[in-house]
Amino acid sequence: VIIFVIGGPGSGKGTQCERLAAKYQFQHLGLGSLLRAEASQPTRQGRQIKDIMMKGALVPSGFVLALLNNKLWQRSFLVNGFPRQLKQAKDFERVVGRPPNIVIVLDCSTETMIQRLLLRGQTGHRADDHEACIRQRLETHYSLCEPVISYYQQQNLLRNILGEEPEDAIYTKCCFVIDSLV
């Protein structure tokens, strides 16, 4: 089972995927976490990824697919925050040989995502959780993600869940989607 969970930065993807992975015994591949780990490495690639991320831009597909491909060893997994552009979706299908089983989209307002990220930024755990970078990340998300959403909607793989609701209500709806698969 391959499940993509997409949505804007701060929409709750990571929070929901952690809970879902534990319940269903899926491997959780958080793209942001994979990229941040790679960006912390003192390598040429690590420095390149860090520079791109600090600008609020998208890391090129080649880096992303290489990181994902190195992790795809378990049968069932949740991929959080991927794909972020149509080329990544199509490249994934070419590399893996098939589309995901389902794509969950967590829909959230811009203001909710900004407030969540600013609150998270107060903990100091993420260097990119400051307002200028957040706004750039959101702009990048909105400009590139619409074709991805349309692509999966045309394939009847898209499941929209309102990300404004309480965490437990969102989790219950995500479980309902996954239960329909397994």
N, C-alpha and C. Protein backbone atom coordinates (compact mmCIF):
# COMPACT_ATOMS: atom_id res chain seq x y z
N VAL A 1 0.85 -1.18 0.00
CA VAL A 1 0.00 0.00 0.00
C VAL A 1 0.89 1.23 0.00
N ILE A 2 0.61 2.13 -0.91
CA ILE A 2 1.32 3.41 -0.99
C ILE A 2 0.29 4.51 -0.83
N ILE A 3 0.47 5.35 0.18
CA ILE A 3 -0.45 6.46 0.43
C ILE A 3 0.36 7.74 0.49
N PHE A 4 -0.02 8.70 -0.34
CA PHE A 4 0.57 10.03 -0.27
C PHE A 4 -0.33 10.90 0.58
N VAL A 5 0.26 11.72 1.45
CA VAL A 5 -0.49 12.69 2.23
C VAL A 5 0.10 14.05 1.88
N ILE A 6 -0.71 14.87 1.23
CA ILE A 6 -0.23 16.17 0.80
C ILE A 6 -1.09 17.28 1.38
N GLY A 7 -0.55 18.47 1.35
CA GLY A 7 -1.22 19.66 1.86
C GLY A 7 -0.17 20.72 2.06
N GLY A 8 -0.59 21.90 2.33
CA GLY A 8 0.35 23.00 2.53
C GLY A 8 1.18 22.81 3.78
N PRO A 9 2.26 23.59 3.88
CA PRO A 9 3.06 23.54 5.10
C PRO A 9 2.21 23.96 6.30
N GLY A 10 2.21 23.13 7.32
CA GLY A 10 1.41 23.42 8.52
C GLY A 10 -0.01 22.90 8.46
N SER A 11 -0.33 22.09 7.44
CA SER A 11 -1.69 21.57 7.32
C SER A 11 -1.94 20.37 8.23
N GLY A 12 -0.89 19.82 8.83
CA GLY A 12 -1.04 18.70 9.76
C GLY A 12 -0.59 17.36 9.21
N LYS A 13 0.11 17.37 8.07
CA LYS A 13 0.54 16.12 7.45
C LYS A 13 1.39 15.27 8.38
N GLY A 14 2.41 15.85 8.97
CA GLY A 14 3.32 15.11 9.83
C GLY A 14 2.62 14.54 11.06
N THR A 15 1.80 15.36 11.67
CA THR A 15 1.06 14.93 12.87
C THR A 15 0.18 13.73 12.55
N GLN A 16 -0.59 13.83 11.47
CA GLN A 16 -1.49 12.74 11.12
C GLN A 16 -0.73 11.49 10.69
N CYS A 17 0.33 11.67 9.91
CA CYS A 17 1.09 10.51 9.43
C CYS A 17 1.74 9.73 10.57
N GLU A 18 2.22 10.42 11.58
CA GLU A 18 2.81 9.72 12.73
C GLU A 18 1.78 8.82 13.38
N ARG A 19 0.59 9.33 13.59
CA ARG A 19 -0.48 8.54 14.23
C ARG A 19 -0.91 7.39 13.33
N LEU A 20 -1.09 7.68 12.03
CA LEU A 20 -1.54 6.65 11.09
C LEU A 20 -0.50 5.55 10.93
N ALA A 21 0.77 5.92 10.86
CA ALA A 21 1.84 4.92 10.71
C ALA A 21 1.85 3.98 11.91
N ALA A 22 1.66 4.53 13.10
CA ALA A 22 1.65 3.70 14.30
C ALA A 22 0.44 2.75 14.30
N LYS A 23 -0.72 3.25 13.94
CA LYS A 23 -1.92 2.41 13.96
C LYS A 23 -1.86 1.29 12.92
N TYR A 24 -1.43 1.62 11.71
CA TYR A 24 -1.48 0.66 10.60
C TYR A 24 -0.15 -0.05 10.35
N GLN A 25 0.86 0.24 11.17
CA GLN A 25 2.18 -0.37 11.01
C GLN A 25 2.78 -0.06 9.64
N PHE A 26 2.55 1.15 9.16
CA PHE A 26 3.14 1.62 7.91
C PHE A 26 4.45 2.30 8.21
N GLN A 27 5.34 2.26 7.25
CA GLN A 27 6.55 3.08 7.35
C GLN A 27 6.14 4.50 6.98
N HIS A 28 6.55 5.47 7.78
CA HIS A 28 6.22 6.88 7.53
C HIS A 28 7.44 7.56 6.95
N LEU A 29 7.32 8.00 5.72
CA LEU A 29 8.39 8.74 5.07
C LEU A 29 7.99 10.20 4.97
N GLY A 30 8.48 11.01 5.89
CA GLY A 30 8.21 12.44 5.86
C GLY A 30 9.26 13.11 4.99
N LEU A 31 8.84 13.60 3.84
CA LEU A 31 9.79 14.20 2.92
C LEU A 31 10.57 15.33 3.57
N GLY A 32 9.86 16.17 4.31
CA GLY A 32 10.54 17.29 4.98
C GLY A 32 11.62 16.80 5.93
N SER A 33 11.32 15.77 6.71
CA SER A 33 12.30 15.22 7.65
C SER A 33 13.49 14.62 6.91
N LEU A 34 13.21 13.89 5.82
CA LEU A 34 14.31 13.32 5.03
C LEU A 34 15.20 14.41 4.46
N LEU A 35 14.57 15.47 3.95
CA LEU A 35 15.35 16.57 3.37
C LEU A 35 16.14 17.33 4.44
N ARG A 36 15.52 17.57 5.60
CA ARG A 36 16.23 18.27 6.68
C ARG A 36 17.41 17.45 7.17
N ALA A 37 17.24 16.13 7.27
CA ALA A 37 18.35 15.26 7.69
C ALA A 37 19.49 15.34 6.67
N GLU A 38 19.14 15.28 5.41
CA GLU A 38 20.16 15.36 4.36
C GLU A 38 20.82 16.74 4.37
N ALA A 39 20.04 17.80 4.60
CA ALA A 39 20.56 19.17 4.61
C ALA A 39 21.53 19.39 5.78
N SER A 40 21.42 18.59 6.82
CA SER A 40 22.32 18.74 7.98
C SER A 40 23.67 18.06 7.77
N GLN A 41 23.78 17.30 6.70
CA GLN A 41 25.04 16.59 6.41
C GLN A 41 26.06 17.55 5.81
N PRO A 42 27.33 17.41 6.20
CA PRO A 42 28.37 18.31 5.67
C PRO A 42 28.88 17.88 4.29
N THR A 43 27.94 17.59 3.40
CA THR A 43 28.29 17.16 2.05
C THR A 43 27.86 18.24 1.06
N ARG A 44 28.32 18.11 -0.14
CA ARG A 44 27.94 19.06 -1.20
C ARG A 44 26.42 19.02 -1.39
N GLN A 45 25.87 17.81 -1.48
CA GLN A 45 24.43 17.68 -1.65
C GLN A 45 23.68 18.25 -0.46
N GLY A 46 24.16 17.99 0.74
CA GLY A 46 23.53 18.52 1.94
C GLY A 46 23.50 20.03 1.94
N ARG A 47 24.60 20.65 1.57
CA ARG A 47 24.65 22.12 1.51
C ARG A 47 23.71 22.66 0.43
N GLN A 48 23.64 21.98 -0.71
CA GLN A 48 22.74 22.41 -1.78
C GLN A 48 21.29 22.36 -1.32
N ILE A 49 20.93 21.26 -0.70
CA ILE A 49 19.55 21.10 -0.23
C ILE A 49 19.23 22.15 0.83
N LYS A 50 20.14 22.39 1.74
CA LYS A 50 19.93 23.39 2.79
C LYS A 50 19.71 24.77 2.19
N ASP A 51 20.54 25.15 1.22
CA ASP A 51 20.39 26.45 0.58
C ASP A 51 19.02 26.60 -0.09
N ILE A 52 18.60 25.57 -0.78
CA ILE A 52 17.30 25.59 -1.47
C ILE A 52 16.17 25.72 -0.45
N MET A 53 16.23 24.94 0.61
CA MET A 53 15.17 24.95 1.62
C MET A 53 15.09 26.29 2.35
N MET A 54 16.22 26.90 2.62
CA MET A 54 16.22 28.18 3.34
C MET A 54 15.63 29.31 2.50
N LYS A 55 15.56 29.11 1.21
CA LYS A 55 14.92 30.08 0.32
C LYS A 55 13.42 29.82 0.20
N GLY A 56 12.95 28.72 0.78
CA GLY A 56 11.54 28.37 0.69
C GLY A 56 11.17 27.76 -0.65
N ALA A 57 12.18 27.33 -1.40
CA ALA A 57 11.95 26.76 -2.73
C ALA A 57 11.85 25.24 -2.65
N LEU A 58 11.44 24.63 -3.76
CA LEU A 58 11.34 23.18 -3.83
C LEU A 58 12.69 22.57 -4.16
N VAL A 59 12.99 21.49 -3.47
CA VAL A 59 14.19 20.72 -3.77
C VAL A 59 13.92 19.95 -5.07
N PRO A 60 14.86 19.96 -6.02
CA PRO A 60 14.63 19.29 -7.31
C PRO A 60 14.28 17.80 -7.16
N SER A 61 13.48 17.32 -8.12
CA SER A 61 12.98 15.95 -8.11
C SER A 61 14.07 14.91 -8.00
N GLY A 62 15.20 15.13 -8.64
CA GLY A 62 16.28 14.15 -8.60
C GLY A 62 16.73 13.84 -7.18
N PHE A 63 16.92 14.88 -6.37
CA PHE A 63 17.30 14.69 -4.97
C PHE A 63 16.20 13.94 -4.22
N VAL A 64 14.96 14.38 -4.43
CA VAL A 64 13.82 13.83 -3.70
C VAL A 64 13.61 12.35 -4.04
N LEU A 65 13.61 12.02 -5.32
CA LEU A 65 13.37 10.63 -5.71
C LEU A 65 14.49 9.72 -5.22
N ALA A 66 15.73 10.21 -5.23
CA ALA A 66 16.84 9.41 -4.72
C ALA A 66 16.65 9.11 -3.23
N LEU A 67 16.25 10.11 -2.46
CA LEU A 67 16.02 9.90 -1.02
C LEU A 67 14.87 8.92 -0.79
N LEU A 68 13.77 9.09 -1.53
CA LEU A 68 12.62 8.19 -1.36
C LEU A 68 12.97 6.77 -1.79
N ASN A 69 13.65 6.65 -2.90
CA ASN A 69 13.98 5.33 -3.42
C ASN A 69 14.86 4.54 -2.45
N ASN A 70 15.71 5.24 -1.71
CA ASN A 70 16.56 4.58 -0.71
C ASN A 70 15.76 4.07 0.48
N LYS A 71 14.55 4.60 0.68
CA LYS A 71 13.74 4.24 1.85
C LYS A 71 12.62 3.25 1.54
N LEU A 72 12.33 3.02 0.27
CA LEU A 72 11.17 2.19 -0.09
C LEU A 72 11.48 0.71 0.02
N TRP A 73 11.59 0.21 1.23
CA TRP A 73 11.93 -1.19 1.44
C TRP A 73 10.81 -1.97 2.10
N GLN A 74 9.81 -1.28 2.61
CA GLN A 74 8.72 -1.95 3.30
C GLN A 74 7.49 -1.98 2.40
N ARG A 75 6.62 -2.92 2.58
CA ARG A 75 5.44 -3.08 1.71
C ARG A 75 4.47 -1.92 1.78
N SER A 76 4.16 -1.45 2.95
CA SER A 76 3.15 -0.40 3.10
C SER A 76 3.78 0.84 3.71
N PHE A 77 3.52 1.98 3.08
CA PHE A 77 4.09 3.19 3.64
C PHE A 77 3.27 4.42 3.31
N LEU A 78 3.41 5.40 4.19
CA LEU A 78 2.82 6.73 4.02
C LEU A 78 3.93 7.66 3.60
N VAL A 79 3.70 8.42 2.56
CA VAL A 79 4.68 9.42 2.13
C VAL A 79 4.05 10.78 2.37
N ASN A 80 4.66 11.52 3.26
CA ASN A 80 4.14 12.80 3.73
C ASN A 80 4.84 13.93 2.99
N GLY A 81 4.05 14.79 2.33
CA GLY A 81 4.62 15.96 1.68
C GLY A 81 5.17 15.70 0.29
N PHE A 82 4.71 14.68 -0.36
CA PHE A 82 5.18 14.34 -1.70
C PHE A 82 4.03 13.72 -2.47
N PRO A 83 3.89 14.01 -3.74
CA PRO A 83 4.68 14.91 -4.58
C PRO A 83 4.22 16.36 -4.43
N ARG A 84 5.13 17.25 -4.72
CA ARG A 84 4.81 18.68 -4.63
C ARG A 84 4.68 19.33 -6.00
N GLN A 85 4.99 18.58 -7.03
CA GLN A 85 4.77 19.09 -8.38
C GLN A 85 4.47 17.90 -9.29
N LEU A 86 3.81 18.17 -10.42
CA LEU A 86 3.34 17.12 -11.31
C LEU A 86 4.49 16.24 -11.81
N LYS A 87 5.61 16.83 -12.12
CA LYS A 87 6.76 16.05 -12.59
C LYS A 87 7.18 15.01 -11.55
N GLN A 88 7.15 15.37 -10.28
CA GLN A 88 7.51 14.42 -9.22
C GLN A 88 6.52 13.25 -9.19
N ALA A 89 5.23 13.54 -9.37
CA ALA A 89 4.22 12.48 -9.36
C ALA A 89 4.48 11.50 -10.50
N LYS A 90 4.72 12.02 -11.68
CA LYS A 90 4.94 11.17 -12.84
C LYS A 90 6.28 10.43 -12.74
N ASP A 91 7.31 11.10 -12.23
CA ASP A 91 8.61 10.44 -12.05
C ASP A 91 8.52 9.31 -11.03
N PHE A 92 7.75 9.53 -9.95
CA PHE A 92 7.56 8.49 -8.95
C PHE A 92 6.94 7.25 -9.59
N GLU A 93 5.89 7.46 -10.36
CA GLU A 93 5.21 6.33 -11.01
C GLU A 93 6.14 5.60 -11.97
N ARG A 94 6.99 6.35 -12.65
CA ARG A 94 7.95 5.73 -13.57
C ARG A 94 8.97 4.90 -12.80
N VAL A 95 9.50 5.45 -11.70
CA VAL A 95 10.53 4.78 -10.92
C VAL A 95 9.97 3.57 -10.17
N VAL A 96 8.81 3.74 -9.52
CA VAL A 96 8.22 2.69 -8.70
C VAL A 96 7.40 1.71 -9.54
N GLY A 97 6.89 2.18 -10.66
CA GLY A 97 6.15 1.30 -11.56
C GLY A 97 4.65 1.36 -11.40
N ARG A 98 4.16 2.25 -10.53
CA ARG A 98 2.72 2.38 -10.34
C ARG A 98 2.41 3.64 -9.55
N PRO A 99 1.15 4.08 -9.62
CA PRO A 99 0.75 5.23 -8.81
C PRO A 99 0.49 4.81 -7.37
N PRO A 100 0.29 5.77 -6.47
CA PRO A 100 -0.10 5.42 -5.10
C PRO A 100 -1.50 4.83 -5.11
N ASN A 101 -1.85 4.14 -4.02
CA ASN A 101 -3.20 3.60 -3.89
C ASN A 101 -4.21 4.72 -3.66
N ILE A 102 -3.78 5.73 -2.92
CA ILE A 102 -4.67 6.83 -2.56
C ILE A 102 -3.82 8.06 -2.24
N VAL A 103 -4.40 9.23 -2.41
CA VAL A 103 -3.74 10.49 -2.07
C VAL A 103 -4.69 11.27 -1.16
N ILE A 104 -4.26 11.48 0.07
CA ILE A 104 -5.04 12.25 1.03
C ILE A 104 -4.54 13.69 0.99
N VAL A 105 -5.47 14.62 0.81
CA VAL A 105 -5.13 16.05 0.82
C VAL A 105 -5.72 16.66 2.07
N LEU A 106 -4.88 17.27 2.88
CA LEU A 106 -5.35 17.99 4.06
C LEU A 106 -5.54 19.45 3.66
N ASP A 107 -6.79 19.87 3.52
CA ASP A 107 -7.12 21.24 3.12
C ASP A 107 -7.17 22.15 4.34
N CYS A 108 -6.41 23.23 4.25
CA CYS A 108 -6.32 24.18 5.36
C CYS A 108 -6.25 25.59 4.79
N SER A 109 -6.76 26.55 5.53
CA SER A 109 -6.65 27.94 5.08
C SER A 109 -5.21 28.42 5.25
N THR A 110 -4.87 29.41 4.47
CA THR A 110 -3.54 30.01 4.54
C THR A 110 -3.27 30.53 5.95
N GLU A 111 -4.23 31.23 6.52
CA GLU A 111 -4.03 31.81 7.85
C GLU A 111 -3.81 30.74 8.92
N THR A 112 -4.55 29.65 8.86
CA THR A 112 -4.36 28.56 9.82
C THR A 112 -2.95 28.00 9.70
N MET A 113 -2.49 27.76 8.47
CA MET A 113 -1.15 27.20 8.28
C MET A 113 -0.09 28.17 8.79
N ILE A 114 -0.24 29.47 8.50
CA ILE A 114 0.74 30.46 8.97
C ILE A 114 0.80 30.46 10.48
N GLN A 115 -0.36 30.48 11.14
CA GLN A 115 -0.39 30.51 12.60
C GLN A 115 0.23 29.25 13.21
N ARG A 116 -0.07 28.09 12.63
CA ARG A 116 0.51 26.84 13.13
C ARG A 116 2.03 26.85 12.99
N LEU A 117 2.52 27.32 11.86
CA LEU A 117 3.97 27.31 11.62
C LEU A 117 4.68 28.34 12.49
N LEU A 118 4.09 29.50 12.70
CA LEU A 118 4.70 30.48 13.59
C LEU A 118 4.76 29.95 15.01
N LEU A 119 3.70 29.26 15.43
CA LEU A 119 3.69 28.66 16.77
C LEU A 119 4.78 27.60 16.87
N ARG A 120 4.89 26.75 15.85
CA ARG A 120 5.94 25.72 15.84
C ARG A 120 7.32 26.38 15.82
N GLY A 121 7.44 27.49 15.10
CA GLY A 121 8.71 28.19 15.01
C GLY A 121 9.19 28.73 16.34
N GLN A 122 8.26 28.97 17.27
CA GLN A 122 8.64 29.46 18.60
C GLN A 122 9.43 28.43 19.38
N THR A 123 9.31 27.15 19.01
CA THR A 123 10.06 26.12 19.71
C THR A 123 11.51 26.06 19.21
N GLY A 124 11.75 26.69 18.05
CA GLY A 124 13.11 26.75 17.53
C GLY A 124 13.60 25.49 16.86
N HIS A 125 12.71 24.53 16.59
CA HIS A 125 13.13 23.26 16.00
C HIS A 125 13.31 23.33 14.50
N ARG A 126 12.72 24.32 13.84
CA ARG A 126 12.78 24.41 12.39
C ARG A 126 13.27 25.79 11.98
N ALA A 127 14.38 25.82 11.28
CA ALA A 127 14.95 27.10 10.84
C ALA A 127 14.08 27.80 9.81
N ASP A 128 13.21 27.06 9.11
CA ASP A 128 12.40 27.67 8.06
C ASP A 128 11.01 28.09 8.54
N ASP A 129 10.76 28.05 9.85
CA ASP A 129 9.47 28.46 10.39
C ASP A 129 9.50 29.92 10.86
N HIS A 130 9.89 30.82 9.96
CA HIS A 130 9.77 32.25 10.21
C HIS A 130 8.92 32.82 9.09
N GLU A 131 8.29 33.96 9.34
CA GLU A 131 7.21 34.41 8.46
C GLU A 131 7.60 34.58 7.00
N ALA A 132 8.74 35.17 6.70
CA ALA A 132 9.12 35.36 5.29
C ALA A 132 9.26 34.03 4.56
N CYS A 133 9.90 33.07 5.21
CA CYS A 133 10.09 31.75 4.60
C CYS A 133 8.75 31.01 4.51
N ILE A 134 7.91 31.14 5.52
CA ILE A 134 6.61 30.48 5.52
C ILE A 134 5.79 30.98 4.33
N ARG A 135 5.74 32.28 4.13
CA ARG A 135 4.96 32.84 3.02
C ARG A 135 5.50 32.37 1.67
N GLN A 136 6.83 32.27 1.55
CA GLN A 136 7.42 31.78 0.31
C GLN A 136 7.07 30.30 0.10
N ARG A 137 7.13 29.52 1.16
CA ARG A 137 6.78 28.10 1.06
C ARG A 137 5.32 27.92 0.65
N LEU A 138 4.44 28.74 1.21
CA LEU A 138 3.03 28.67 0.85
C LEU A 138 2.81 29.07 -0.61
N GLU A 139 3.47 30.13 -1.04
CA GLU A 139 3.35 30.56 -2.44
C GLU A 139 3.83 29.45 -3.38
N THR A 140 4.94 28.84 -3.04
CA THR A 140 5.47 27.72 -3.84
C THR A 140 4.47 26.57 -3.85
N HIS A 141 3.93 26.25 -2.68
CA HIS A 141 2.95 25.16 -2.58
C HIS A 141 1.75 25.42 -3.48
N TYR A 142 1.16 26.60 -3.36
CA TYR A 142 -0.05 26.90 -4.13
C TYR A 142 0.22 26.91 -5.64
N SER A 143 1.36 27.43 -6.04
CA SER A 143 1.63 27.53 -7.49
C SER A 143 1.94 26.18 -8.12
N LEU A 144 2.53 25.26 -7.37
CA LEU A 144 2.95 23.98 -7.95
C LEU A 144 2.02 22.81 -7.65
N CYS A 145 1.25 22.90 -6.58
CA CYS A 145 0.48 21.73 -6.14
C CYS A 145 -0.85 21.55 -6.86
N GLU A 146 -1.41 22.60 -7.39
CA GLU A 146 -2.73 22.48 -8.05
C GLU A 146 -2.72 21.44 -9.18
N PRO A 147 -1.70 21.41 -10.06
CA PRO A 147 -1.68 20.37 -11.09
C PRO A 147 -1.59 18.95 -10.50
N VAL A 148 -0.91 18.80 -9.37
CA VAL A 148 -0.81 17.48 -8.71
C VAL A 148 -2.20 17.05 -8.24
N ILE A 149 -2.90 17.96 -7.61
CA ILE A 149 -4.24 17.67 -7.11
C ILE A 149 -5.17 17.30 -8.28
N SER A 150 -5.12 18.06 -9.35
CA SER A 150 -5.95 17.77 -10.53
C SER A 150 -5.60 16.41 -11.13
N TYR A 151 -4.31 16.13 -11.19
CA TYR A 151 -3.83 14.86 -11.76
C TYR A 151 -4.41 13.66 -11.00
N TYR A 152 -4.31 13.71 -9.67
CA TYR A 152 -4.82 12.58 -8.88
C TYR A 152 -6.35 12.57 -8.82
N GLN A 153 -6.96 13.73 -8.93
CA GLN A 153 -8.42 13.78 -8.97
C GLN A 153 -8.93 13.11 -10.26
N GLN A 154 -8.25 13.35 -11.37
CA GLN A 154 -8.62 12.71 -12.63
C GLN A 154 -8.48 11.19 -12.56
N GLN A 155 -7.54 10.71 -11.75
CA GLN A 155 -7.34 9.27 -11.58
C GLN A 155 -8.24 8.69 -10.48
N ASN A 156 -9.08 9.53 -9.89
CA ASN A 156 -9.97 9.13 -8.80
C ASN A 156 -9.21 8.58 -7.59
N LEU A 157 -8.05 9.16 -7.32
CA LEU A 157 -7.23 8.73 -6.18
C LEU A 157 -7.27 9.75 -5.03
N LEU A 158 -7.84 10.90 -5.26
CA LEU A 158 -7.79 12.01 -4.31
C LEU A 158 -8.89 11.90 -3.26
N ARG A 159 -8.51 12.10 -2.00
CA ARG A 159 -9.47 12.15 -0.89
C ARG A 159 -9.17 13.43 -0.10
N ASN A 160 -10.11 14.38 -0.13
CA ASN A 160 -9.92 15.64 0.58
C ASN A 160 -10.45 15.54 2.00
N ILE A 161 -9.66 16.05 2.93
CA ILE A 161 -10.06 16.10 4.34
C ILE A 161 -9.79 17.51 4.84
N LEU A 162 -10.78 18.10 5.50
CA LEU A 162 -10.64 19.45 6.01
C LEU A 162 -9.65 19.46 7.17
N GLY A 163 -8.56 20.18 6.99
CA GLY A 163 -7.51 20.24 8.00
C GLY A 163 -7.73 21.28 9.07
N GLU A 164 -8.87 21.95 9.06
CA GLU A 164 -9.19 22.98 10.05
C GLU A 164 -9.83 22.37 11.30
N GLU A 165 -10.28 21.15 11.20
CA GLU A 165 -10.98 20.50 12.30
C GLU A 165 -9.99 20.09 13.40
N PRO A 166 -10.50 19.69 14.56
CA PRO A 166 -9.61 19.21 15.62
C PRO A 166 -8.81 17.99 15.14
N GLU A 167 -7.63 17.83 15.69
CA GLU A 167 -6.70 16.77 15.30
C GLU A 167 -7.35 15.38 15.31
N ASP A 168 -8.12 15.08 16.34
CA ASP A 168 -8.75 13.76 16.43
C ASP A 168 -9.80 13.54 15.34
N ALA A 169 -10.53 14.59 14.97
CA ALA A 169 -11.54 14.46 13.91
C ALA A 169 -10.85 14.21 12.56
N ILE A 170 -9.74 14.88 12.32
CA ILE A 170 -8.98 14.68 11.08
C ILE A 170 -8.44 13.25 11.05
N TYR A 171 -7.91 12.81 12.17
CA TYR A 171 -7.37 11.44 12.28
C TYR A 171 -8.45 10.40 11.96
N THR A 172 -9.63 10.58 12.53
CA THR A 172 -10.73 9.64 12.29
C THR A 172 -11.07 9.58 10.81
N LYS A 173 -11.10 10.72 10.14
CA LYS A 173 -11.41 10.75 8.71
C LYS A 173 -10.30 10.09 7.89
N CYS A 174 -9.05 10.32 8.28
CA CYS A 174 -7.92 9.66 7.60
C CYS A 174 -8.01 8.14 7.78
N CYS A 175 -8.34 7.70 8.98
CA CYS A 175 -8.50 6.25 9.23
C CYS A 175 -9.60 5.66 8.35
N PHE A 176 -10.69 6.39 8.21
CA PHE A 176 -11.79 5.92 7.36
C PHE A 176 -11.30 5.69 5.92
N VAL A 177 -10.51 6.63 5.41
CA VAL A 177 -9.95 6.51 4.05
C VAL A 177 -9.05 5.28 3.95
N ILE A 178 -8.17 5.10 4.93
CA ILE A 178 -7.23 3.98 4.90
C ILE A 178 -7.97 2.65 5.09
N ASP A 179 -8.95 2.63 5.97
CA ASP A 179 -9.73 1.40 6.19
C ASP A 179 -10.43 0.95 4.91
N SER A 180 -10.77 1.88 4.05
CA SER A 180 -11.43 1.52 2.79
C SER A 180 -10.45 0.81 1.83
N LEU A 181 -9.15 0.92 2.11
CA LEU A 181 -8.12 0.28 1.27
C LEU A 181 -7.70 -1.09 1.77
N VAL A 182 -7.58 -1.21 3.10
CA VAL A 182 -7.02 -2.43 3.68
C VAL A 182 -8.07 -3.36 4.25
